[in-house]
Amino acid sequence: MSIAAKFEIEYLQYLDQDGKETGKELPEFAKDLDHMVELYKLMVSTRVFDAKSIALQRTGKLGTYASCLGHEAAHVGIGSAMRREDSLAVSYREYGAQLYRGVKPREVYTYWGGDERGNDFADAPAHDFAWCVPIGTQCLHAAGSALAFKIRKEPRVAVCTIGDGGSSKGDFYGAINVAGAQQLPLVAVIVNNQWAISVPRRIQSGSGTLAQKGIAAGLFCIQVDGNDIIAVRKAMEDALDRARSGQGGSVIEAVTYRLGDHTTADDARRYRGEQEVKDAWERDPVPRLRKWLEGKGKWDDAKEEAWKAECDDWMDNEVNAYLESKVQPATAMFDYLYAELPADLEKQRELAASLDRK
């Protein structure tokens, strides 16, 4: 019998769940302990932001919100590996990556508060895409960006993120297929948090790994411990370097766990066992990195308390900025639809303007 093809999927991990090194030589960036402290601080501030976000929603000051609890290592690892000129197309919970790239919490709140002005980032790159609630379509946006970068001969990379459930969508397959066929500078990261709302990973796909979905498209594929920020960052750096040098795209599967509900409209207790969640907390990415930094003499309880106090002050300022923002006039819903409004909509706009004046 002849064999048409064989493949293996590498699994990458540098820190185990107890924050101990696995014996694999650390990449250069991880040897810069001051830099690793900064990444840890962003993971902590992302968690503080997430808790504040849920509190705002529960008190009626925010719409439905998608928590990122447990995803901090994956998201910060993604964002910190990218260059500013690269583009990022997220779904709806990759706040750690966005915060690293300059998105402000007040902008996140503006969006989830029902105001599209939240997508008009002040400091983040203008070529980063807005949040994408439709499942999977952001992958096509990223593939289109990657094609543009290649046509223009620009050394830039398009990065998209998607969940385990989203990786079953045709949009994802279409994006990675064109990336492979055209050898585009695309990095697709599957953040596998084990649950597509209430659908578990074990019945989501028959693939041994989700990373291997990229093999049929002709892309480089790797699975990493998504709770180990060093592993995520290293896989991202390698994928970005390959893409930037014309060697094509990659699919990275970051294996993590959604420690909270899917969104604030969900109650995961209805479909997940208590022991499963308890076990997942043992793999929490934040204490994992903290233990490693403590072992290196770079972090302690006093620094933790001081940083959390700074995070609280930061979040108070961001929340106040959001709550004090002025509501758009009703006419705004008409202003960005057409270059010239059709007559019927012009009449509706005039009616809305009269209501604004009352």
Protein backbone atom coordinates (compact mmCIF):
# COMPACT_ATOMS: atom_id res chain seq x y z
CA MET A 1 0.00 0.00 0.00
CA SER A 2 1.37 3.42 -0.93
CA ILE A 3 0.77 6.43 1.32
CA ALA A 4 -0.32 9.71 -0.24
CA ALA A 5 0.47 11.87 2.79
CA LYS A 6 1.42 11.73 6.45
CA PHE A 7 1.40 14.50 9.02
CA GLU A 8 2.08 15.27 12.66
CA ILE A 9 0.91 18.19 14.79
CA GLU A 10 3.49 19.60 17.20
CA TYR A 11 2.32 20.56 20.68
CA LEU A 12 4.15 23.48 22.27
CA GLN A 13 4.42 24.21 25.99
CA TYR A 14 7.08 25.95 28.07
CA LEU A 15 5.33 26.33 31.44
CA ASP A 16 3.19 23.62 33.04
CA GLN A 17 0.08 24.40 35.04
CA ASP A 18 2.16 24.92 38.19
CA GLY A 19 4.31 27.56 36.55
CA LYS A 20 7.32 25.29 36.22
CA GLU A 21 9.43 25.13 33.07
CA THR A 22 9.01 21.96 31.03
CA GLY A 23 12.71 21.76 30.12
CA LYS A 24 12.33 23.26 26.67
CA GLU A 25 14.75 26.14 26.09
CA LEU A 26 12.95 29.44 26.50
CA PRO A 27 12.66 31.75 23.50
CA GLU A 28 14.61 35.01 23.62
CA PHE A 29 11.69 37.26 24.55
CA ALA A 30 10.96 35.10 27.63
CA LYS A 31 14.51 35.68 28.87
CA ASP A 32 13.69 39.38 29.17
CA LEU A 33 12.03 39.15 32.56
CA ASP A 34 11.04 42.81 32.66
CA HIS A 35 9.10 42.27 29.44
CA MET A 36 7.45 39.18 30.89
CA VAL A 37 6.39 41.24 33.91
CA GLU A 38 4.71 43.71 31.56
CA LEU A 39 2.84 40.89 29.83
CA TYR A 40 1.74 39.54 33.21
CA LYS A 41 0.52 42.99 34.26
CA LEU A 42 -1.59 43.22 31.12
CA MET A 43 -3.07 39.78 31.84
CA VAL A 44 -4.02 40.96 35.33
CA SER A 45 -5.44 44.28 34.09
CA THR A 46 -7.44 42.39 31.44
CA ARG A 47 -8.96 40.26 34.19
CA VAL A 48 -9.79 43.34 36.26
CA PHE A 49 -11.37 44.91 33.18
CA ASP A 50 -13.41 41.75 32.57
CA ALA A 51 -14.79 41.65 36.11
CA LYS A 52 -15.74 45.33 35.91
CA SER A 53 -17.43 44.72 32.56
CA ILE A 54 -19.66 42.00 33.99
CA ALA A 55 -20.53 44.23 36.96
CA LEU A 56 -21.56 47.01 34.57
CA GLN A 57 -23.78 44.63 32.63
CA ARG A 58 -25.39 43.26 35.78
CA THR A 59 -26.25 46.79 36.92
CA GLY A 60 -27.86 47.72 33.61
CA LYS A 61 -25.07 49.99 32.37
CA LEU A 62 -23.88 47.72 29.56
CA GLY A 63 -25.51 45.45 27.01
CA THR A 64 -24.75 41.76 26.58
CA TYR A 65 -21.05 41.19 27.19
CA ALA A 66 -18.76 38.29 26.22
CA SER A 67 -16.30 37.49 29.01
CA CYS A 68 -12.64 36.66 28.35
CA LEU A 69 -12.05 34.97 31.72
CA GLY A 70 -9.40 32.26 31.26
CA HIS A 71 -8.27 33.49 27.82
CA GLU A 72 -5.75 36.08 29.02
CA ALA A 73 -2.58 34.19 28.04
CA ALA A 74 -3.88 33.36 24.58
CA HIS A 75 -5.08 36.86 23.82
CA VAL A 76 -2.12 38.80 25.22
CA GLY A 77 0.24 36.33 23.55
CA ILE A 78 -1.40 37.04 20.20
CA GLY A 79 -1.38 40.82 20.50
CA SER A 80 2.13 41.13 21.90
CA ALA A 81 3.70 39.21 19.01
CA MET A 82 2.26 41.45 16.30
CA ARG A 83 3.71 44.58 14.76
CA ARG A 84 1.63 47.72 14.65
CA GLU A 85 1.44 47.60 10.84
CA ASP A 86 -0.10 44.11 10.96
CA SER A 87 -3.89 43.87 11.01
CA LEU A 88 -6.05 42.10 13.58
CA ALA A 89 -9.54 40.74 12.90
CA VAL A 90 -11.14 39.51 16.13
CA SER A 91 -14.45 37.97 17.00
CA TYR A 92 -15.90 39.39 20.23
CA ARG A 93 -13.85 38.52 23.32
CA GLU A 94 -10.17 39.02 22.42
CA TYR A 95 -9.76 42.05 24.69
CA GLY A 96 -6.23 41.23 25.85
CA ALA A 97 -4.93 41.40 22.29
CA GLN A 98 -6.85 44.59 21.62
CA LEU A 99 -5.75 46.30 24.84
CA TYR A 100 -2.14 45.54 23.93
CA ARG A 101 -2.71 47.20 20.55
CA GLY A 102 -4.22 50.35 22.05
CA VAL A 103 -7.97 49.77 22.30
CA LYS A 104 -9.37 51.47 25.40
CA PRO A 105 -11.90 49.91 27.78
CA ARG A 106 -14.17 52.90 27.23
CA GLU A 107 -14.28 51.97 23.53
CA VAL A 108 -15.19 48.38 24.38
CA TYR A 109 -17.98 49.65 26.61
CA THR A 110 -19.22 52.09 24.00
CA TYR A 111 -19.57 49.21 21.54
CA TRP A 112 -21.25 46.80 23.96
CA GLY A 113 -23.40 49.69 25.14
CA GLY A 114 -24.93 49.75 21.65
CA ASP A 115 -22.92 52.59 20.10
CA GLU A 116 -20.88 51.83 16.98
CA ARG A 117 -18.54 54.73 17.77
CA GLY A 118 -16.76 52.23 19.99
CA ASN A 119 -15.31 50.75 16.80
CA ASP A 120 -13.63 54.05 15.95
CA PHE A 121 -10.44 53.38 17.91
CA ALA A 122 -8.47 56.43 19.01
CA ASP A 123 -5.08 54.81 19.61
CA ALA A 124 -5.28 51.30 18.14
CA PRO A 125 -4.26 50.86 14.48
CA ALA A 126 -6.93 52.13 12.11
CA HIS A 127 -6.49 49.00 10.00
CA ASP A 128 -7.56 46.71 12.84
CA PHE A 129 -11.08 45.46 12.32
CA ALA A 130 -14.12 46.07 14.48
CA TRP A 131 -15.65 43.37 16.69
CA CYS A 132 -17.33 40.67 14.63
CA VAL A 133 -20.31 38.98 16.25
CA PRO A 134 -21.35 36.95 13.14
CA ILE A 135 -19.38 33.73 13.57
CA GLY A 136 -16.41 33.32 11.27
CA THR A 137 -16.77 36.25 8.88
CA GLN A 138 -13.72 38.01 10.37
CA CYS A 139 -11.54 35.26 8.88
CA LEU A 140 -12.57 36.31 5.38
CA HIS A 141 -11.82 39.95 6.25
CA ALA A 142 -8.34 38.92 7.35
CA ALA A 143 -7.79 36.84 4.21
CA GLY A 144 -8.75 39.83 2.09
CA SER A 145 -6.28 42.00 4.00
CA ALA A 146 -3.58 39.39 3.52
CA LEU A 147 -4.24 39.35 -0.23
CA ALA A 148 -3.94 43.15 -0.33
CA PHE A 149 -0.64 43.01 1.56
CA LYS A 150 0.70 40.50 -0.94
CA ILE A 151 -0.47 42.46 -4.00
CA ARG A 152 1.12 45.61 -2.60
CA LYS A 153 4.30 43.71 -1.67
CA GLU A 154 4.02 45.00 1.89
CA PRO A 155 5.77 43.04 4.67
CA ARG A 156 2.61 42.88 6.75
CA VAL A 157 0.55 40.04 8.17
CA ALA A 158 -3.18 39.67 8.74
CA VAL A 159 -4.19 37.86 11.93
CA CYS A 160 -7.64 36.53 12.72
CA THR A 161 -8.98 34.79 15.80
CA ILE A 162 -11.83 32.32 16.00
CA GLY A 163 -13.24 29.85 18.50
CA ASP A 164 -13.41 26.07 18.35
CA GLY A 165 -17.02 26.21 17.20
CA GLY A 166 -16.30 28.90 14.64
CA SER A 167 -13.62 26.72 13.08
CA SER A 168 -16.45 24.51 11.79
CA LYS A 169 -17.84 27.36 9.71
CA GLY A 170 -17.42 27.64 5.96
CA ASP A 171 -16.07 31.18 6.40
CA PHE A 172 -13.07 29.80 8.27
CA TYR A 173 -12.43 27.07 5.72
CA GLY A 174 -12.79 29.51 2.84
CA ALA A 175 -10.30 31.90 4.43
CA ILE A 176 -7.60 29.30 5.08
CA ASN A 177 -8.16 27.69 1.69
CA VAL A 178 -7.49 30.89 -0.22
CA ALA A 179 -4.55 31.63 2.09
CA GLY A 180 -2.98 28.32 1.15
CA ALA A 181 -3.80 28.53 -2.55
CA GLN A 182 -2.43 32.06 -2.86
CA GLN A 183 0.29 31.69 -0.18
CA LEU A 184 -1.06 34.68 1.71
CA PRO A 185 0.44 36.19 4.87
CA LEU A 186 -2.41 35.04 7.11
CA VAL A 187 -2.22 33.68 10.66
CA ALA A 188 -5.47 32.12 11.87
CA VAL A 189 -5.61 31.42 15.60
CA ILE A 190 -8.23 28.99 16.85
CA VAL A 191 -8.76 29.83 20.51
CA ASN A 192 -10.12 26.47 21.59
CA ASN A 193 -11.91 27.14 24.87
CA GLN A 194 -13.71 23.76 24.71
CA TRP A 195 -17.24 25.13 24.42
CA ALA A 196 -19.14 26.66 21.49
CA ILE A 197 -21.79 28.15 23.75
CA SER A 198 -23.29 24.83 25.01
CA VAL A 199 -21.70 22.52 22.42
CA PRO A 200 -18.57 20.76 23.78
CA ARG A 201 -15.41 20.30 21.76
CA ARG A 202 -15.79 16.50 21.78
CA ILE A 203 -18.87 16.67 19.53
CA GLN A 204 -17.88 19.85 17.65
CA SER A 205 -15.37 18.14 15.38
CA GLY A 206 -13.98 14.69 14.67
CA SER A 207 -10.46 16.09 14.18
CA GLY A 208 -7.84 14.87 16.61
CA THR A 209 -6.75 18.49 16.83
CA LEU A 210 -8.33 21.62 15.46
CA ALA A 211 -4.91 22.77 14.26
CA GLN A 212 -4.82 20.03 11.64
CA LYS A 213 -7.72 21.64 9.80
CA GLY A 214 -5.13 23.85 8.18
CA ILE A 215 -3.25 20.94 6.61
CA ALA A 216 -5.81 20.46 3.85
CA ALA A 217 -5.35 24.14 3.00
CA GLY A 218 -1.58 23.76 2.77
CA LEU A 219 -0.81 25.85 5.84
CA PHE A 220 1.68 25.32 8.66
CA CYS A 221 -0.18 23.99 11.70
CA ILE A 222 0.66 23.79 15.40
CA GLN A 223 -1.19 23.25 18.68
CA VAL A 224 -0.06 25.15 21.78
CA ASP A 225 -0.96 25.30 25.44
CA GLY A 226 -3.21 28.35 25.33
CA ASN A 227 -2.75 28.91 29.07
CA ASP A 228 1.01 29.29 28.60
CA ILE A 229 1.67 32.78 27.26
CA ILE A 230 5.23 31.89 26.32
CA ALA A 231 4.02 29.08 24.05
CA VAL A 232 1.36 31.27 22.43
CA ARG A 233 3.76 34.15 21.88
CA LYS A 234 6.48 31.88 20.44
CA ALA A 235 4.09 30.17 18.01
CA MET A 236 2.78 33.56 16.95
CA GLU A 237 6.25 35.00 16.41
CA ASP A 238 7.28 32.05 14.26
CA ALA A 239 4.06 32.19 12.22
CA LEU A 240 4.36 35.94 11.70
CA ASP A 241 8.00 35.61 10.61
CA ARG A 242 7.09 32.89 8.10
CA ALA A 243 4.22 34.92 6.69
CA ARG A 244 6.24 38.12 6.51
CA SER A 245 9.04 36.41 4.60
CA GLY A 246 6.70 34.98 1.95
CA GLN A 247 6.48 31.43 3.32
CA GLY A 248 2.71 31.43 3.62
CA GLY A 249 0.14 31.25 6.37
CA SER A 250 -0.42 29.25 9.54
CA VAL A 251 -3.15 27.83 11.73
CA ILE A 252 -2.44 27.92 15.46
CA GLU A 253 -4.72 26.12 17.91
CA ALA A 254 -4.44 27.58 21.41
CA VAL A 255 -5.97 25.10 23.85
CA THR A 256 -7.53 26.90 26.80
CA TYR A 257 -10.84 26.94 28.69
CA ARG A 258 -13.74 29.35 28.99
CA LEU A 259 -13.89 29.80 32.75
CA GLY A 260 -17.02 31.96 32.64
CA ASP A 261 -20.33 31.95 30.81
CA HIS A 262 -20.37 32.32 27.02
CA THR A 263 -21.87 35.78 27.49
CA THR A 264 -23.84 37.52 30.21
CA ALA A 265 -26.96 36.10 28.52
CA ASP A 266 -25.76 32.55 29.22
CA ASP A 267 -25.75 30.28 32.29
CA ALA A 268 -23.07 27.63 31.74
CA ARG A 269 -24.16 25.74 34.88
CA ARG A 270 -27.00 24.33 32.79
CA TYR A 271 -24.65 22.30 30.58
CA ARG A 272 -21.22 22.03 32.28
CA GLY A 273 -20.31 19.91 35.26
CA GLU A 274 -18.96 21.56 38.41
CA GLN A 275 -15.90 19.29 38.54
CA GLU A 276 -14.93 20.09 34.95
CA VAL A 277 -14.84 23.81 35.69
CA LYS A 278 -13.02 23.24 38.98
CA ASP A 279 -10.35 21.25 37.14
CA ALA A 280 -10.02 24.01 34.54
CA TRP A 281 -9.33 26.58 37.25
CA GLU A 282 -6.25 24.53 38.15
CA ARG A 283 -4.89 25.44 34.69
CA ASP A 284 -5.67 29.16 35.09
CA PRO A 285 -3.10 31.11 33.03
CA VAL A 286 -2.74 34.08 35.39
CA PRO A 287 -1.41 32.30 38.52
CA ARG A 288 0.69 30.08 36.25
CA LEU A 289 2.72 33.03 34.98
CA ARG A 290 2.74 34.67 38.39
CA LYS A 291 4.31 31.58 40.00
CA TRP A 292 6.99 31.52 37.32
CA LEU A 293 7.79 35.21 37.85
CA GLU A 294 7.85 34.75 41.62
CA GLY A 295 10.32 31.93 41.15
CA LYS A 296 12.51 34.33 39.16
CA GLY A 297 12.30 36.93 41.94
CA LYS A 298 10.39 39.37 39.72
CA TRP A 299 7.01 39.41 41.47
CA ASP A 300 5.56 39.24 44.97
CA ASP A 301 2.41 39.96 46.98
CA ALA A 302 3.22 43.63 47.47
CA LYS A 303 3.66 44.19 43.73
CA GLU A 304 0.44 42.30 43.07
CA GLU A 305 -1.57 44.48 45.46
CA ALA A 306 -0.01 47.69 44.13
CA TRP A 307 -0.72 46.73 40.53
CA LYS A 308 -4.33 45.76 41.22
CA ALA A 309 -4.84 49.13 42.91
CA GLU A 310 -3.50 50.84 39.78
CA CYS A 311 -5.83 48.71 37.66
CA ASP A 312 -8.81 49.73 39.80
CA ASP A 313 -7.97 53.43 39.33
CA TRP A 314 -7.49 52.89 35.59
CA MET A 315 -10.85 51.17 35.30
CA ASP A 316 -12.63 53.83 37.33
CA ASN A 317 -11.40 56.45 34.86
CA GLU A 318 -12.41 54.34 31.86
CA VAL A 319 -15.87 53.59 33.25
CA ASN A 320 -16.48 57.24 34.07
CA ALA A 321 -15.42 58.26 30.56
CA TYR A 322 -17.89 55.76 29.13
CA LEU A 323 -20.78 56.77 31.38
CA GLU A 324 -20.19 60.47 30.73
CA SER A 325 -20.15 60.11 26.93
CA LYS A 326 -22.96 61.90 25.13
CA VAL A 327 -25.62 59.89 23.34
CA GLN A 328 -25.69 60.29 19.57
CA PRO A 329 -28.68 62.11 18.04
CA ALA A 330 -31.31 59.90 16.42
CA THR A 331 -30.28 61.26 13.01
CA ALA A 332 -26.93 59.48 13.31
CA MET A 333 -28.52 56.22 12.20
CA PHE A 334 -28.99 57.72 8.74
CA ASP A 335 -25.68 59.52 8.34
CA TYR A 336 -23.40 56.67 7.29
CA LEU A 337 -25.65 54.58 5.05
CA TYR A 338 -25.48 56.42 1.73
CA ALA A 339 -23.45 59.12 0.04
CA GLU A 340 -26.83 60.67 -0.80
CA LEU A 341 -29.91 59.60 1.14
CA PRO A 342 -32.90 58.34 -0.91
CA ALA A 343 -35.96 60.57 -0.64
CA ASP A 344 -37.88 58.23 1.69
CA LEU A 345 -35.01 58.01 4.15
CA GLU A 346 -34.46 61.77 3.94
CA LYS A 347 -38.02 62.23 5.16
CA GLN A 348 -37.40 59.79 8.01
CA ARG A 349 -34.21 61.66 8.91
CA GLU A 350 -36.14 64.92 9.06
CA LEU A 351 -38.66 63.29 11.39
CA ALA A 352 -35.84 62.00 13.60
CA ALA A 353 -34.29 65.48 13.67
CA SER A 354 -37.58 66.94 14.87
CA LEU A 355 -37.69 64.39 17.68
CA ASP A 356 -34.12 65.28 18.67
CA ARG A 357 -35.14 68.94 19.03
CA LYS A 358 -37.92 68.12 21.48
